[in-house]
Structure formats: C-alpha cells, structure tokens
N, C-alpha and C. Protein backbone atom coordinates (compact mmCIF):
# COMPACT_ATOMS: atom_id res chain seq x y z
N MET A 1 -41.65 90.68 189.37
CA MET A 1 -41.83 89.97 190.74
C MET A 1 -42.20 88.55 190.90
N ALA A 2 -41.56 87.74 191.56
CA ALA A 2 -41.98 86.29 191.66
C ALA A 2 -43.29 86.24 192.14
N SER A 3 -43.84 84.87 191.70
CA SER A 3 -45.32 84.37 191.85
C SER A 3 -45.38 84.35 193.55
N LYS A 4 -46.40 84.56 193.98
CA LYS A 4 -46.51 84.64 195.40
C LYS A 4 -47.37 83.34 195.72
N GLY A 5 -47.05 82.82 196.97
CA GLY A 5 -47.70 81.65 197.53
C GLY A 5 -49.42 81.84 197.55
N GLY A 6 -49.92 80.71 197.32
CA GLY A 6 -51.40 80.88 197.05
C GLY A 6 -52.43 80.50 198.49
N GLY A 7 -52.00 81.81 199.29
CA GLY A 7 -52.75 81.96 200.62
C GLY A 7 -52.36 80.82 201.62
N GLY A 8 -53.13 80.63 202.66
CA GLY A 8 -52.65 79.88 203.71
C GLY A 8 -51.85 80.74 204.70
N GLU A 9 -51.57 80.07 205.76
CA GLU A 9 -50.94 80.85 206.86
C GLU A 9 -49.51 80.99 206.53
N GLY A 10 -48.67 79.98 205.82
CA GLY A 10 -47.39 80.11 205.75
C GLY A 10 -46.87 79.54 206.93
N ASN A 11 -45.43 80.06 207.27
CA ASN A 11 -44.55 79.69 208.45
C ASN A 11 -44.86 80.64 209.51
N ARG A 12 -45.69 80.39 210.36
CA ARG A 12 -46.20 81.18 211.56
C ARG A 12 -45.30 80.91 212.71
N GLY A 13 -44.35 79.98 212.60
CA GLY A 13 -43.43 79.78 213.71
C GLY A 13 -43.99 79.02 214.83
N ASP A 14 -43.28 78.84 215.83
CA ASP A 14 -44.15 78.31 217.09
C ASP A 14 -44.53 79.07 218.08
N GLY A 15 -44.95 78.73 219.01
CA GLY A 15 -45.37 79.58 220.37
C GLY A 15 -46.14 80.68 220.09
N VAL A 16 -46.88 80.74 219.05
CA VAL A 16 -47.61 81.86 218.67
C VAL A 16 -48.89 82.28 219.82
N LYS A 17 -48.85 83.75 220.21
CA LYS A 17 -49.75 84.02 221.28
C LYS A 17 -50.39 85.12 220.50
N ASP A 18 -51.96 85.21 220.77
CA ASP A 18 -52.68 86.09 220.06
C ASP A 18 -53.16 87.02 220.99
N PHE A 19 -53.42 88.42 221.05
CA PHE A 19 -53.83 89.40 221.67
C PHE A 19 -54.72 90.17 220.95
N LYS A 20 -55.88 90.57 221.13
CA LYS A 20 -56.76 91.37 220.43
C LYS A 20 -56.70 92.75 220.64
N LEU A 21 -56.82 93.43 219.74
CA LEU A 21 -56.37 94.97 219.79
C LEU A 21 -57.80 95.67 219.55
N SER A 22 -58.57 94.76 218.64
CA SER A 22 -60.13 95.44 218.57
C SER A 22 -60.84 94.28 218.19
N LEU A 23 -62.16 94.18 218.08
CA LEU A 23 -62.93 93.06 217.30
C LEU A 23 -62.43 92.58 215.94
N SER A 24 -61.93 93.35 215.24
CA SER A 24 -61.26 92.85 213.86
C SER A 24 -59.69 93.09 213.68
N SER A 25 -59.04 92.98 214.70
CA SER A 25 -57.65 93.46 214.65
C SER A 25 -56.78 92.44 215.72
N SER A 26 -55.80 92.06 215.53
CA SER A 26 -54.93 91.28 216.52
C SER A 26 -53.56 91.49 216.50
N LEU A 27 -52.91 91.37 217.72
CA LEU A 27 -51.43 91.40 217.84
C LEU A 27 -50.94 90.23 218.33
N LYS A 28 -50.14 89.28 217.37
CA LYS A 28 -49.57 88.26 217.51
C LYS A 28 -48.18 88.22 217.61
N ILE A 29 -47.62 87.49 218.68
CA ILE A 29 -46.15 87.59 219.15
C ILE A 29 -45.98 86.02 218.95
N GLN A 30 -44.70 85.81 218.18
CA GLN A 30 -44.40 84.22 217.80
C GLN A 30 -42.95 84.07 217.60
N ARG A 31 -42.42 83.16 218.02
CA ARG A 31 -40.94 82.66 217.40
C ARG A 31 -40.86 82.22 215.99
N GLY A 32 -39.97 82.66 215.34
CA GLY A 32 -40.07 82.09 213.85
C GLY A 32 -39.10 82.82 213.17
N ASP A 33 -38.85 82.49 211.93
CA ASP A 33 -38.25 83.04 210.76
C ASP A 33 -38.98 83.95 209.92
N ILE A 34 -38.49 85.45 210.22
CA ILE A 34 -39.33 86.38 209.62
C ILE A 34 -39.47 86.28 207.94
N THR A 35 -38.25 85.62 207.41
CA THR A 35 -38.03 85.49 205.83
C THR A 35 -39.11 84.57 205.43
N MET A 36 -39.68 83.82 206.21
CA MET A 36 -40.55 82.63 205.89
C MET A 36 -42.21 82.90 206.07
N TRP A 37 -42.41 84.06 206.53
CA TRP A 37 -43.75 84.44 207.17
C TRP A 37 -44.41 85.08 205.98
N LEU A 38 -45.85 84.55 205.98
CA LEU A 38 -46.82 85.06 205.01
C LEU A 38 -48.13 84.88 205.58
N VAL A 39 -49.00 85.67 205.06
CA VAL A 39 -50.38 85.30 205.24
C VAL A 39 -51.20 85.18 204.03
N ASN A 40 -51.05 86.02 203.15
CA ASN A 40 -51.69 85.57 201.58
C ASN A 40 -50.73 86.11 200.38
N GLY A 41 -49.74 86.82 200.54
CA GLY A 41 -48.97 87.15 199.52
C GLY A 41 -49.54 88.35 198.63
N THR A 42 -50.74 89.00 199.10
CA THR A 42 -51.03 90.19 198.18
C THR A 42 -51.37 91.46 199.12
N SER A 43 -51.42 91.21 200.47
CA SER A 43 -51.78 92.28 201.34
C SER A 43 -51.05 92.20 202.61
N ASP A 44 -49.78 91.47 202.41
CA ASP A 44 -49.09 91.33 203.62
C ASP A 44 -47.65 91.95 203.12
N ALA A 45 -46.80 92.34 204.61
CA ALA A 45 -45.52 92.66 204.32
C ALA A 45 -44.86 92.71 205.62
N ILE A 46 -43.45 92.37 205.45
CA ILE A 46 -42.54 92.31 206.48
C ILE A 46 -41.78 93.48 206.44
N LEU A 47 -40.97 93.57 207.86
CA LEU A 47 -40.28 94.74 208.05
C LEU A 47 -38.99 94.22 208.06
N GLY A 48 -38.09 95.11 207.20
CA GLY A 48 -36.85 94.81 207.36
C GLY A 48 -35.73 96.11 207.47
N ARG A 49 -34.48 96.03 208.17
CA ARG A 49 -33.66 97.17 208.30
C ARG A 49 -33.26 97.53 206.96
N TRP A 50 -33.23 98.99 206.83
CA TRP A 50 -32.66 99.58 205.69
C TRP A 50 -31.08 99.08 205.48
N PRO A 51 -30.73 98.61 204.08
CA PRO A 51 -29.38 98.15 203.79
C PRO A 51 -28.42 99.34 203.83
N HIS A 52 -27.42 99.31 204.74
CA HIS A 52 -26.23 100.06 204.81
C HIS A 52 -25.02 99.24 205.23
N THR A 53 -23.91 99.94 205.26
CA THR A 53 -22.75 99.31 205.63
C THR A 53 -22.91 98.92 207.03
N GLY A 54 -22.41 97.36 207.32
CA GLY A 54 -22.59 96.79 208.50
C GLY A 54 -23.92 96.16 208.83
N TRP A 55 -24.93 96.32 207.56
CA TRP A 55 -26.22 95.63 208.01
C TRP A 55 -25.99 94.01 207.99
N LYS A 56 -26.80 93.36 209.04
CA LYS A 56 -26.43 91.91 209.23
C LYS A 56 -27.77 91.38 210.01
N CYS A 57 -27.51 90.18 210.49
CA CYS A 57 -28.60 89.56 211.05
C CYS A 57 -29.89 89.37 210.31
N PHE A 58 -31.01 89.66 210.63
CA PHE A 58 -32.42 89.49 210.13
C PHE A 58 -32.33 90.27 208.51
N CYS A 59 -31.72 91.54 208.52
CA CYS A 59 -31.64 92.20 207.44
C CYS A 59 -31.10 91.54 206.37
N LEU A 60 -29.86 91.06 206.60
CA LEU A 60 -29.07 90.40 205.72
C LEU A 60 -29.66 88.91 205.17
N ALA A 61 -30.54 88.32 206.10
CA ALA A 61 -31.45 87.12 205.95
C ALA A 61 -32.45 87.50 204.76
N ILE A 62 -33.21 88.46 205.15
CA ILE A 62 -34.12 89.20 204.03
C ILE A 62 -33.67 89.37 202.85
N HIS A 63 -32.42 90.05 202.60
CA HIS A 63 -32.01 90.46 201.56
C HIS A 63 -31.60 89.23 200.72
N ARG A 64 -30.88 88.21 201.40
CA ARG A 64 -30.68 86.92 200.77
C ARG A 64 -31.83 86.23 200.24
N ALA A 65 -32.96 86.20 201.19
CA ALA A 65 -34.10 85.28 200.77
C ALA A 65 -35.08 86.04 199.54
N ALA A 66 -34.87 87.32 199.58
CA ALA A 66 -35.64 88.22 198.46
C ALA A 66 -34.87 88.16 197.09
N GLY A 67 -33.60 87.95 197.44
CA GLY A 67 -32.69 88.08 196.04
C GLY A 67 -32.03 89.43 195.80
N PRO A 68 -31.24 89.69 194.85
CA PRO A 68 -30.54 90.75 194.48
C PRO A 68 -31.41 91.91 194.09
N GLU A 69 -32.73 91.76 193.38
CA GLU A 69 -33.59 92.68 193.07
C GLU A 69 -33.99 93.51 194.22
N LEU A 70 -33.99 93.09 195.76
CA LEU A 70 -34.28 93.86 196.84
C LEU A 70 -33.20 95.10 197.03
N GLY A 71 -32.09 94.51 196.92
CA GLY A 71 -31.08 95.61 197.16
C GLY A 71 -31.00 96.52 196.02
N ARG A 72 -31.35 96.33 194.98
CA ARG A 72 -31.38 97.24 193.66
C ARG A 72 -32.58 97.99 193.83
N ALA A 73 -33.67 97.47 194.31
CA ALA A 73 -34.89 98.32 194.51
C ALA A 73 -34.61 99.60 195.49
N CYS A 74 -33.88 99.11 196.64
CA CYS A 74 -33.87 100.09 197.65
C CYS A 74 -32.72 101.27 197.17
N TYR A 75 -31.96 100.98 196.17
CA TYR A 75 -31.15 102.15 195.70
C TYR A 75 -31.95 102.71 194.62
N THR A 76 -33.12 102.61 194.38
CA THR A 76 -33.78 103.43 193.53
C THR A 76 -34.50 104.59 194.09
N VAL A 77 -34.56 104.30 195.39
CA VAL A 77 -35.24 105.38 196.30
C VAL A 77 -34.54 106.65 196.38
N PRO A 78 -35.24 107.89 196.12
CA PRO A 78 -34.50 109.01 196.09
C PRO A 78 -33.63 109.20 197.36
N GLU A 79 -32.76 109.94 197.18
CA GLU A 79 -31.71 110.44 198.44
C GLU A 79 -32.42 111.46 199.04
N VAL A 80 -32.67 111.70 200.30
CA VAL A 80 -33.00 112.93 200.99
C VAL A 80 -31.93 113.81 201.36
N ARG A 81 -30.67 113.26 201.42
CA ARG A 81 -29.57 114.04 201.53
C ARG A 81 -28.37 113.05 200.93
N PRO A 82 -27.07 113.74 200.72
CA PRO A 82 -26.53 112.79 200.06
C PRO A 82 -26.01 111.68 200.72
N GLY A 83 -26.01 110.55 200.15
CA GLY A 83 -25.91 109.29 200.53
C GLY A 83 -27.05 108.46 201.37
N ILE A 84 -28.10 109.16 201.79
CA ILE A 84 -28.91 108.89 202.84
C ILE A 84 -30.39 108.75 202.23
N ARG A 85 -30.97 107.67 202.04
CA ARG A 85 -32.38 107.63 201.51
C ARG A 85 -33.29 106.91 202.53
N CYS A 86 -32.85 106.76 203.44
CA CYS A 86 -33.71 106.45 204.59
C CYS A 86 -33.46 106.89 206.16
N PRO A 87 -33.61 107.97 206.53
CA PRO A 87 -33.08 108.36 207.86
C PRO A 87 -33.58 107.79 208.92
N LYS A 88 -32.91 107.60 209.99
CA LYS A 88 -33.39 106.89 211.31
C LYS A 88 -34.73 107.56 211.55
N GLY A 89 -35.43 106.57 212.07
CA GLY A 89 -36.85 106.83 212.47
C GLY A 89 -37.86 106.89 211.17
N GLU A 90 -37.51 106.68 209.97
CA GLU A 90 -38.19 106.91 208.78
C GLU A 90 -38.46 105.51 208.24
N ALA A 91 -39.18 105.31 207.40
CA ALA A 91 -39.49 104.00 206.58
C ALA A 91 -39.84 104.18 205.15
N ARG A 92 -39.41 103.20 204.30
CA ARG A 92 -39.48 102.93 203.09
C ARG A 92 -40.19 101.59 202.62
N ILE A 93 -40.82 101.67 201.46
CA ILE A 93 -41.44 100.45 200.91
C ILE A 93 -40.83 99.99 199.58
N THR A 94 -40.52 98.67 199.51
CA THR A 94 -40.32 98.22 198.21
C THR A 94 -41.31 96.79 198.03
N PRO A 95 -41.09 96.33 196.59
CA PRO A 95 -41.66 94.92 196.27
C PRO A 95 -40.92 93.97 197.29
N ALA A 96 -41.44 92.77 197.62
CA ALA A 96 -40.53 91.61 198.09
C ALA A 96 -40.09 90.68 197.31
N PHE A 97 -40.33 90.79 196.07
CA PHE A 97 -39.51 89.98 195.10
C PHE A 97 -39.72 88.47 195.55
N GLN A 98 -38.46 87.65 195.86
CA GLN A 98 -38.56 86.11 196.01
C GLN A 98 -39.20 86.02 197.34
N LEU A 99 -39.35 86.88 198.36
CA LEU A 99 -40.05 86.49 199.63
C LEU A 99 -41.43 86.11 199.22
N PRO A 100 -42.03 85.50 200.28
CA PRO A 100 -43.57 85.08 200.14
C PRO A 100 -44.62 86.09 200.31
N VAL A 101 -43.92 87.25 200.90
CA VAL A 101 -44.92 88.36 201.19
C VAL A 101 -44.82 89.28 200.03
N PHE A 102 -45.78 90.39 200.07
CA PHE A 102 -45.92 91.16 198.84
C PHE A 102 -44.81 92.38 198.74
N HIS A 103 -44.78 92.77 200.10
CA HIS A 103 -43.89 94.24 200.31
C HIS A 103 -42.90 93.91 201.28
N VAL A 104 -41.75 94.76 201.26
CA VAL A 104 -40.85 94.87 202.59
C VAL A 104 -40.92 96.17 202.69
N ILE A 105 -41.27 96.58 204.12
CA ILE A 105 -41.09 97.95 204.54
C ILE A 105 -39.78 98.02 205.21
N HIS A 106 -38.95 98.69 204.87
CA HIS A 106 -37.73 98.96 205.37
C HIS A 106 -37.63 100.19 206.46
N ALA A 107 -37.03 100.00 207.55
CA ALA A 107 -36.95 100.92 208.60
C ALA A 107 -35.45 101.14 209.12
N VAL A 108 -35.06 102.29 209.70
CA VAL A 108 -33.90 102.47 210.53
C VAL A 108 -34.12 102.74 212.09
N GLY A 109 -33.91 102.09 212.82
CA GLY A 109 -34.01 102.23 214.34
C GLY A 109 -32.73 102.79 214.90
N PRO A 110 -32.78 103.41 215.89
CA PRO A 110 -31.67 104.10 216.61
C PRO A 110 -30.63 103.13 217.10
N VAL A 111 -29.28 103.59 217.44
CA VAL A 111 -28.34 102.75 217.96
C VAL A 111 -28.47 103.06 219.61
N TYR A 112 -28.89 102.40 220.50
CA TYR A 112 -29.15 102.69 221.75
C TYR A 112 -28.31 103.73 222.51
N HIS A 113 -27.12 103.54 222.72
CA HIS A 113 -26.07 104.17 223.44
C HIS A 113 -25.30 105.00 222.75
N VAL A 114 -25.80 105.38 221.69
CA VAL A 114 -25.01 106.41 220.58
C VAL A 114 -25.97 107.57 220.36
N ASP A 115 -27.37 107.40 219.85
CA ASP A 115 -28.28 108.17 219.60
C ASP A 115 -29.06 109.06 220.50
N ASN A 116 -29.24 110.36 220.48
CA ASN A 116 -30.04 111.25 221.54
C ASN A 116 -31.42 110.60 221.18
N HIS A 117 -32.07 110.61 222.31
CA HIS A 117 -33.47 110.21 222.46
C HIS A 117 -33.89 108.93 221.76
N PRO A 118 -33.22 107.95 222.00
CA PRO A 118 -33.24 106.47 221.08
C PRO A 118 -34.86 106.14 221.23
N GLU A 119 -35.65 106.39 222.30
CA GLU A 119 -37.07 106.08 222.37
C GLU A 119 -37.91 106.88 221.40
N VAL A 120 -37.66 108.14 221.11
CA VAL A 120 -38.46 108.97 220.00
C VAL A 120 -38.18 108.26 218.75
N THR A 121 -37.06 107.91 218.40
CA THR A 121 -36.25 107.50 216.84
C THR A 121 -37.22 105.85 216.91
N LEU A 122 -37.08 105.40 217.92
CA LEU A 122 -37.65 103.86 217.91
C LEU A 122 -39.24 104.06 217.49
N ARG A 123 -39.90 104.77 218.58
CA ARG A 123 -41.50 104.89 218.20
C ARG A 123 -41.76 105.45 216.86
N ASN A 124 -40.95 106.51 216.28
CA ASN A 124 -41.18 107.01 214.95
C ASN A 124 -41.10 105.87 213.86
N ALA A 125 -39.99 104.91 214.19
CA ALA A 125 -39.75 104.02 213.04
C ALA A 125 -41.05 103.07 213.05
N TYR A 126 -41.67 102.86 214.15
CA TYR A 126 -42.61 101.97 214.01
C TYR A 126 -43.91 102.62 213.60
N ARG A 127 -44.05 103.98 214.11
CA ARG A 127 -45.21 104.82 213.19
C ARG A 127 -45.20 104.84 212.11
N ASN A 128 -44.04 105.17 211.53
CA ASN A 128 -43.91 105.37 209.99
C ASN A 128 -44.03 104.25 209.26
N CYS A 129 -43.68 102.90 209.80
CA CYS A 129 -44.09 101.68 209.10
C CYS A 129 -45.43 101.45 209.11
N LEU A 130 -46.15 101.67 210.02
CA LEU A 130 -47.66 101.55 209.96
C LEU A 130 -48.27 102.54 209.22
N LYS A 131 -47.81 103.76 209.21
CA LYS A 131 -48.37 104.89 207.94
C LYS A 131 -48.10 104.09 206.65
N LEU A 132 -46.96 103.59 206.48
CA LEU A 132 -46.78 103.25 204.93
C LEU A 132 -47.65 101.92 204.71
N ALA A 133 -47.87 101.09 205.77
CA ALA A 133 -48.77 99.97 205.58
C ALA A 133 -50.20 100.45 205.24
N LYS A 134 -50.70 101.57 205.91
CA LYS A 134 -51.88 101.81 205.58
C LYS A 134 -52.21 102.49 204.10
N GLU A 135 -50.99 103.39 203.86
CA GLU A 135 -51.16 103.99 202.58
C GLU A 135 -51.01 102.89 201.43
N ASN A 136 -50.74 101.63 201.78
CA ASN A 136 -50.43 100.74 200.64
C ASN A 136 -51.28 99.34 200.80
N LYS A 137 -52.55 99.73 201.67
CA LYS A 137 -53.68 98.93 201.78
C LYS A 137 -53.24 97.48 202.12
N ILE A 138 -51.93 97.36 203.35
CA ILE A 138 -51.54 96.36 203.94
C ILE A 138 -52.41 95.94 204.84
N GLU A 139 -52.95 94.69 205.06
CA GLU A 139 -53.77 94.20 206.10
C GLU A 139 -52.89 93.44 207.24
N TYR A 140 -51.90 92.82 206.79
CA TYR A 140 -51.18 92.07 207.76
C TYR A 140 -49.74 92.42 207.65
N ILE A 141 -48.89 92.60 208.69
CA ILE A 141 -47.62 92.92 208.79
C ILE A 141 -46.93 92.40 209.94
N ALA A 142 -45.58 92.21 209.68
CA ALA A 142 -44.79 91.40 210.72
C ALA A 142 -43.56 92.03 210.87
N PHE A 143 -43.01 92.45 212.07
CA PHE A 143 -42.13 93.01 212.64
C PHE A 143 -41.04 92.41 213.32
N PRO A 144 -39.98 92.45 213.14
CA PRO A 144 -38.86 91.86 213.98
C PRO A 144 -38.75 93.08 215.20
N ALA A 145 -37.84 92.77 216.23
CA ALA A 145 -37.55 93.58 217.28
C ALA A 145 -36.41 94.46 216.79
N ILE A 146 -36.96 95.75 216.38
CA ILE A 146 -36.37 96.83 215.78
C ILE A 146 -35.33 97.32 216.82
N SER A 147 -33.97 97.56 216.40
CA SER A 147 -32.92 98.14 217.07
C SER A 147 -32.49 97.15 218.33
N CYS A 148 -32.95 95.85 218.53
CA CYS A 148 -32.18 94.96 219.64
C CYS A 148 -31.51 94.25 218.85
N GLY A 149 -30.55 93.65 219.63
CA GLY A 149 -29.24 92.94 218.98
C GLY A 149 -28.24 93.83 219.03
N ALA A 150 -27.64 93.99 217.62
CA ALA A 150 -26.50 94.91 217.32
C ALA A 150 -26.74 96.37 217.69
N TYR A 151 -27.93 96.81 217.72
CA TYR A 151 -28.13 98.23 217.90
C TYR A 151 -28.27 98.44 219.57
N GLY A 152 -28.45 97.19 220.05
CA GLY A 152 -28.06 97.44 221.81
C GLY A 152 -29.50 97.79 222.46
N TYR A 153 -30.69 97.93 221.91
CA TYR A 153 -31.88 98.63 222.56
C TYR A 153 -32.29 97.40 223.75
N PRO A 154 -32.36 97.72 224.85
CA PRO A 154 -32.87 96.77 225.84
C PRO A 154 -34.19 96.24 225.49
N TYR A 155 -34.35 95.06 225.66
CA TYR A 155 -35.42 94.25 225.13
C TYR A 155 -36.71 94.89 225.72
N ASP A 156 -36.63 94.98 227.14
CA ASP A 156 -37.99 95.27 227.76
C ASP A 156 -38.42 96.84 227.37
N GLU A 157 -37.37 97.77 227.15
CA GLU A 157 -37.73 98.97 226.69
C GLU A 157 -38.27 99.03 225.45
N ALA A 158 -37.83 98.41 224.43
CA ALA A 158 -38.23 98.09 223.09
C ALA A 158 -39.35 97.34 223.07
N ALA A 159 -39.81 96.50 223.61
CA ALA A 159 -40.93 95.69 223.67
C ALA A 159 -42.10 96.98 224.01
N ALA A 160 -41.94 97.61 225.11
CA ALA A 160 -42.82 98.57 225.53
C ALA A 160 -43.18 99.50 224.58
N ILE A 161 -42.02 100.02 224.06
CA ILE A 161 -42.39 101.21 222.74
C ILE A 161 -43.03 100.53 221.71
N ALA A 162 -42.65 99.38 221.04
CA ALA A 162 -43.17 98.58 220.09
C ALA A 162 -44.45 98.32 220.11
N ILE A 163 -45.02 97.61 221.43
CA ILE A 163 -46.32 97.33 221.85
C ILE A 163 -47.34 98.41 221.91
N SER A 164 -46.78 99.51 222.52
CA SER A 164 -47.77 100.83 222.78
C SER A 164 -48.08 101.52 221.40
N THR A 165 -47.13 101.54 220.54
CA THR A 165 -47.11 102.15 219.45
C THR A 165 -48.22 101.24 218.58
N ILE A 166 -48.00 100.06 218.62
CA ILE A 166 -49.03 99.09 217.89
C ILE A 166 -50.50 99.51 218.27
N MET A 167 -50.78 99.44 219.75
CA MET A 167 -52.00 99.72 220.20
C MET A 167 -52.49 101.13 219.83
N GLU A 168 -51.77 101.95 219.55
CA GLU A 168 -52.43 103.47 219.42
C GLU A 168 -52.59 103.46 217.65
N LEU A 169 -51.77 102.65 217.10
CA LEU A 169 -51.68 103.26 215.66
C LEU A 169 -52.08 101.85 214.57
N TYR A 170 -52.62 100.66 214.99
CA TYR A 170 -52.83 99.88 214.21
C TYR A 170 -53.78 100.11 212.81
N GLY A 171 -54.72 101.30 213.46
CA GLY A 171 -55.77 101.36 212.09
C GLY A 171 -56.64 100.18 211.62
N ASP A 172 -56.55 100.03 210.39
CA ASP A 172 -57.38 99.25 209.35
C ASP A 172 -56.29 97.73 209.33
N LEU A 173 -55.27 97.57 210.13
CA LEU A 173 -54.51 96.35 209.97
C LEU A 173 -55.39 95.16 210.72
N LYS A 174 -55.50 93.95 209.82
CA LYS A 174 -56.12 93.00 210.68
C LYS A 174 -55.21 92.27 211.37
N GLU A 175 -53.87 92.03 211.23
CA GLU A 175 -53.17 91.60 212.06
C GLU A 175 -51.79 92.13 212.20
N VAL A 176 -51.44 92.37 213.24
CA VAL A 176 -49.64 92.75 213.55
C VAL A 176 -49.17 91.66 214.19
N HIS A 177 -48.10 91.32 213.53
CA HIS A 177 -47.15 89.99 214.11
C HIS A 177 -45.87 90.56 214.36
N PHE A 178 -45.31 89.95 215.64
CA PHE A 178 -43.78 90.32 215.81
C PHE A 178 -43.41 88.65 215.88
N VAL A 179 -42.41 88.61 214.62
CA VAL A 179 -42.05 87.28 214.39
C VAL A 179 -40.41 87.43 215.01
N LEU A 180 -40.28 86.73 216.10
CA LEU A 180 -38.93 86.79 216.88
C LEU A 180 -38.15 85.58 216.92
N PHE A 181 -36.94 85.74 216.65
CA PHE A 181 -36.23 84.58 216.46
C PHE A 181 -35.54 84.25 217.61
N GLU A 182 -35.03 85.09 218.46
CA GLU A 182 -34.43 84.82 219.94
C GLU A 182 -35.31 84.39 220.97
N ASP A 183 -35.23 83.54 221.94
CA ASP A 183 -35.96 83.28 223.00
C ASP A 183 -36.12 84.38 223.88
N ASP A 184 -35.20 84.94 224.28
CA ASP A 184 -35.13 86.01 225.26
C ASP A 184 -36.03 87.06 224.74
N ILE A 185 -35.82 87.47 223.47
CA ILE A 185 -36.67 88.70 222.96
C ILE A 185 -38.13 88.42 222.92
N TYR A 186 -38.41 87.23 222.28
CA TYR A 186 -39.85 86.71 222.46
C TYR A 186 -40.62 86.75 223.79
N ASP A 187 -39.53 86.32 224.93
CA ASP A 187 -40.17 86.39 226.23
C ASP A 187 -40.51 87.78 226.58
N ALA A 188 -39.48 88.69 226.27
CA ALA A 188 -39.67 90.13 226.64
C ALA A 188 -41.08 90.54 226.22
N TRP A 189 -41.20 90.22 224.69
CA TRP A 189 -42.31 90.86 223.98
C TRP A 189 -43.70 90.20 224.63
N LEU A 190 -43.47 88.88 225.01
CA LEU A 190 -44.84 88.14 225.45
C LEU A 190 -44.93 88.63 226.79
N ASN A 191 -44.21 88.98 227.74
CA ASN A 191 -44.23 89.66 229.09
C ASN A 191 -44.87 90.93 228.94
N LYS A 192 -44.31 91.84 227.92
CA LYS A 192 -45.04 93.25 227.69
C LYS A 192 -46.38 93.15 227.10
N ALA A 193 -46.53 92.44 226.44
CA ALA A 193 -47.99 92.49 226.01
C ALA A 193 -49.12 91.85 226.82
N ASN A 194 -48.47 90.80 227.65
CA ASN A 194 -49.60 90.37 229.02
C ASN A 194 -49.68 91.62 229.79
N ALA A 195 -48.70 92.59 230.03
CA ALA A 195 -48.97 93.49 230.96
C ALA A 195 -49.79 94.64 230.30
N LEU A 196 -49.55 94.91 229.04
CA LEU A 196 -50.45 96.13 228.60
C LEU A 196 -51.71 95.77 227.89
N LEU A 197 -51.66 94.39 227.36
CA LEU A 197 -53.12 94.11 226.92
C LEU A 197 -53.84 93.17 227.79
C-alpha cells in the first residue's frame, strides 16, 4: 500500500458548509474533487461506485487515481452470484492504494428510471456504507452524490435520502462529507441540509 499523507486537512475543496449532527459529529458539504480528499490517511475513506461495464465519471477518476491495484482488489471480492460481487444497494471495502485516504468503500446505487423502488436501494447503499465504516473503525468518510448524473436520480430527492440516512446512522463518525464536483448538485445538497438540519 502506498504511504499516506502526514495528516492535515488535505484538499477539502471550496465552499465547505458545516452542519452539526451531534456534539462530536459533523456533516460537511463542499465542492471539490473526491480523489484529492483526505483527513488523516489512517481512519478515513471515500466512496466509489463499484466497477462494472460502463462505469465512468467519479468512479473512473477514483480508479485512475488509486492505480490498477484498486481494480484488482475489487475482483478479489467473492461473487455472491455469477458475475456479481456487489449487488445494488450493498457496499464493499478495499484499501485505497495510491489515493490519499486509507480505504475506498464501493457501492452500487439504483438507476432511477429503471429500478423498482430506487429510493429503497439508494437508502440501503448509504446504510451499508455507514455500516462498513463502523465495522472498519473509520472516523471520516466522504461521499459523492450516489446515483446522480448518469444514473438519473433527481438531485433534490437524492439529497433528501442521503442526508436523512446520515442523520439516522452516522454513529461514531466524526465527520461525514459530501464532496460534490457539480455546482447544481452541491446546491441541491446544501439546500436540503439547510432544510433538514
């Protein structure tokens, strides 16, 4: 595994907005490049979409930044059925290799206009990521907007599910970040956080 950076805040992006979840936990929403995000390189993780045919956008950027070891690590995860290692709504964890964080948690969200009950699958994806974070003693985690973009999830609906799930299940996490590259997605998340928190 590549040596991790020596602490510090790393690239937190611009436009960081901080919302308290509890006395010891915060939700942070920011613009930025999730492949550059880090807190300390030992108890942090970012979320990436599970690699499969057609994976693109932030997932491809994460795999490029992590190096080829990340793709190989994904294919050492046991299949749950032929050709499927991470079903929709579930999550898996690997080392982060050349990324500045310690782990990558991989998840598969729903395709909005194709899947039945996409809201259930999206909520489960966030829940399972948070569960893996807890099991692996992760204190800081950064999410993109799961299923937005190519998967067609409306931003306002996705933000409501994401933020409400975090509010219910943040557990022992010190910080939950949403690192969002697109201005309109950032705006949707910020508006929903202001409404819910």
